[in-house]
Amino acid sequence: MQAVRQLHSERPLAPILPQFSERSMWIINHLRLVALQCRSAARVDLDQACALLLADPADARMRHAETLMRGFRQAVTKRPVFFRPGTDELSFDEAWLCRLFEAIERTDDDSFRFLIQSRVPRWTQQNLAFLIRSISEEFHKF
């Protein structure tokens, strides 16, 4: 029987940070600001909120981000983590949103659908996808 010796590195490995586009990071920073503003606001039902946004599209322009942040916990079932604006590190939730925004940018509907279906309950997938696509579209205008 041969003993296996474990090698220990003297310096810890730095975490590998995914590389996202500047546009995606800009959207995440905007969402971080909105999340800070919404911390004490009441949570919303995504079905009702999206119905209101669709009923009055002229008034809905920049409310998509607020609706997403107020209803995000309902969509992902666990308490989401958003860091303070300007932080270089990304939480799992922020990285997941970045991947969604990048899939939209690449017009990669298969990846977008996979990301949504892998984490969001079926009954709210359409609403969350609508909000994320709307936010991405708004940032194309800048």
Protein backbone atom coordinates (compact mmCIF):
# COMPACT_ATOMS: atom_id res chain seq x y z
CA MET A 1 0.00 0.00 0.00
CA GLN A 2 1.35 3.34 -0.96
CA ALA A 3 0.77 6.51 1.05
CA VAL A 4 -0.28 9.61 -0.78
CA ARG A 5 1.14 12.86 0.43
CA GLN A 6 -1.00 15.93 0.15
CA LEU A 7 0.74 18.97 -1.24
CA HIS A 8 -0.09 22.25 0.43
CA SER A 9 0.45 25.48 -1.36
CA GLU A 10 1.96 28.21 0.76
CA ARG A 11 -0.18 30.88 -0.80
CA PRO A 12 -3.89 30.52 -1.22
CA LEU A 13 -5.29 30.54 -4.70
CA ALA A 14 -7.18 33.67 -5.67
CA PRO A 15 -10.78 33.07 -6.68
CA ILE A 16 -11.31 33.03 -10.41
CA LEU A 17 -13.63 35.87 -11.33
CA PRO A 18 -15.68 35.44 -14.49
CA GLN A 19 -15.09 38.04 -17.16
CA PHE A 20 -18.23 39.87 -18.19
CA SER A 21 -18.68 42.71 -20.63
CA GLU A 22 -18.58 46.30 -19.46
CA ARG A 23 -22.25 46.64 -20.42
CA SER A 24 -23.27 43.71 -18.21
CA MET A 25 -21.31 45.12 -15.28
CA TRP A 26 -22.94 48.51 -15.84
CA ILE A 27 -26.38 46.88 -15.67
CA ILE A 28 -25.41 45.00 -12.49
CA ASN A 29 -24.22 48.22 -10.85
CA HIS A 30 -27.51 49.86 -11.79
CA LEU A 31 -29.41 46.91 -10.29
CA ARG A 32 -27.29 47.19 -7.13
CA LEU A 33 -28.33 50.83 -6.77
CA VAL A 34 -31.97 49.92 -7.31
CA ALA A 35 -31.68 47.07 -4.79
CA LEU A 36 -30.37 49.53 -2.18
CA GLN A 37 -33.32 51.81 -2.81
CA CYS A 38 -35.78 48.90 -2.59
CA ARG A 39 -34.44 47.35 0.63
CA SER A 40 -37.27 48.67 2.77
CA ALA A 41 -39.94 48.58 0.06
CA ALA A 42 -42.63 45.95 0.13
CA ARG A 43 -42.06 42.86 -1.98
CA VAL A 44 -44.24 42.52 -5.05
CA ASP A 45 -46.02 39.68 -6.76
CA LEU A 46 -44.31 39.30 -10.13
CA ASP A 47 -47.52 38.35 -11.95
CA GLN A 48 -49.35 41.47 -10.83
CA ALA A 49 -46.36 43.77 -11.28
CA CYS A 50 -45.68 42.58 -14.84
CA ALA A 51 -49.36 42.92 -15.71
CA LEU A 52 -49.25 46.55 -14.54
CA LEU A 53 -46.08 47.21 -16.55
CA LEU A 54 -47.69 45.77 -19.68
CA ALA A 55 -50.90 47.75 -19.12
CA ASP A 56 -49.06 51.09 -19.03
CA PRO A 57 -45.85 50.75 -21.08
CA ALA A 58 -45.26 54.51 -21.30
CA ASP A 59 -44.90 54.69 -17.54
CA ALA A 60 -42.92 51.46 -17.28
CA ARG A 61 -39.63 52.51 -18.88
CA MET A 62 -37.27 52.37 -15.92
CA ARG A 63 -39.56 50.57 -13.48
CA HIS A 64 -38.53 47.18 -14.83
CA ALA A 65 -35.37 47.21 -12.69
CA GLU A 66 -37.31 48.17 -9.58
CA THR A 67 -39.89 45.45 -10.22
CA LEU A 68 -37.13 42.89 -10.76
CA MET A 69 -35.36 43.81 -7.54
CA ARG A 70 -38.56 43.84 -5.49
CA GLY A 71 -39.72 40.48 -6.86
CA PHE A 72 -36.41 38.69 -7.37
CA ARG A 73 -36.63 36.71 -4.13
CA GLN A 74 -40.02 35.34 -5.18
CA ALA A 75 -38.52 34.18 -8.47
CA VAL A 76 -35.42 32.46 -7.08
CA THR A 77 -36.95 31.29 -3.77
CA LYS A 78 -33.76 32.02 -1.78
CA ARG A 79 -32.74 35.39 -0.42
CA PRO A 80 -30.65 36.98 -3.19
CA VAL A 81 -27.28 38.61 -2.51
CA PHE A 82 -26.37 41.92 -4.13
CA PHE A 83 -23.15 43.69 -3.24
CA ARG A 84 -22.75 47.43 -2.90
CA PRO A 85 -22.42 49.43 -6.15
CA GLY A 86 -18.87 49.60 -7.47
CA THR A 87 -17.75 46.31 -5.90
CA ASP A 88 -15.57 44.29 -8.28
CA GLU A 89 -16.63 40.93 -6.87
CA LEU A 90 -19.91 39.37 -7.98
CA SER A 91 -22.32 37.33 -5.90
CA PHE A 92 -23.79 34.15 -7.37
CA ASP A 93 -27.05 36.02 -8.09
CA GLU A 94 -25.24 38.88 -9.83
CA ALA A 95 -23.11 36.50 -11.92
CA TRP A 96 -26.26 34.59 -12.89
CA LEU A 97 -27.93 37.83 -14.03
CA CYS A 98 -24.76 38.79 -15.95
CA ARG A 99 -24.89 35.47 -17.79
CA LEU A 100 -28.51 36.17 -18.71
CA PHE A 101 -27.68 39.66 -20.01
CA GLU A 102 -24.76 38.27 -22.01
CA ALA A 103 -26.96 35.52 -23.49
CA ILE A 104 -29.40 38.23 -24.63
CA GLU A 105 -26.53 40.26 -26.10
CA ARG A 106 -25.34 37.21 -28.09
CA THR A 107 -28.95 36.36 -29.05
CA ASP A 108 -28.32 32.95 -27.49
CA ASP A 109 -31.89 31.98 -26.64
CA ASP A 110 -30.94 28.42 -25.71
CA SER A 111 -28.54 29.57 -22.99
CA PHE A 112 -31.01 32.19 -21.79
CA ARG A 113 -33.78 29.59 -21.53
CA PHE A 114 -31.46 27.10 -19.80
CA LEU A 115 -30.38 29.64 -17.19
CA ILE A 116 -33.96 30.65 -16.43
CA GLN A 117 -35.27 27.07 -16.31
CA SER A 118 -32.41 25.84 -14.15
CA ARG A 119 -33.15 28.22 -11.30
CA VAL A 120 -36.62 29.73 -11.54
CA PRO A 121 -39.91 27.90 -10.85
CA ARG A 122 -41.96 27.34 -14.01
CA TRP A 123 -44.85 29.56 -12.87
CA THR A 124 -42.66 32.69 -12.78
CA GLN A 125 -40.16 32.03 -15.59
CA GLN A 126 -42.03 34.08 -18.18
CA ASN A 127 -42.32 37.13 -15.93
CA LEU A 128 -38.67 37.07 -14.90
CA ALA A 129 -37.57 36.61 -18.52
CA PHE A 130 -39.76 39.58 -19.53
CA LEU A 131 -38.18 41.83 -16.88
CA ILE A 132 -34.61 40.81 -17.71
CA ARG A 133 -35.14 41.28 -21.45
CA SER A 134 -36.78 44.67 -20.83
CA ILE A 135 -33.87 45.87 -18.69
CA SER A 136 -31.38 44.69 -21.31
CA GLU A 137 -33.34 46.52 -24.01
CA GLU A 138 -33.37 49.74 -21.95
CA PHE A 139 -29.58 49.62 -21.64
CA HIS A 140 -29.24 49.23 -25.40
CA LYS A 141 -30.72 52.71 -25.76
CA PHE A 142 -27.84 54.34 -23.85
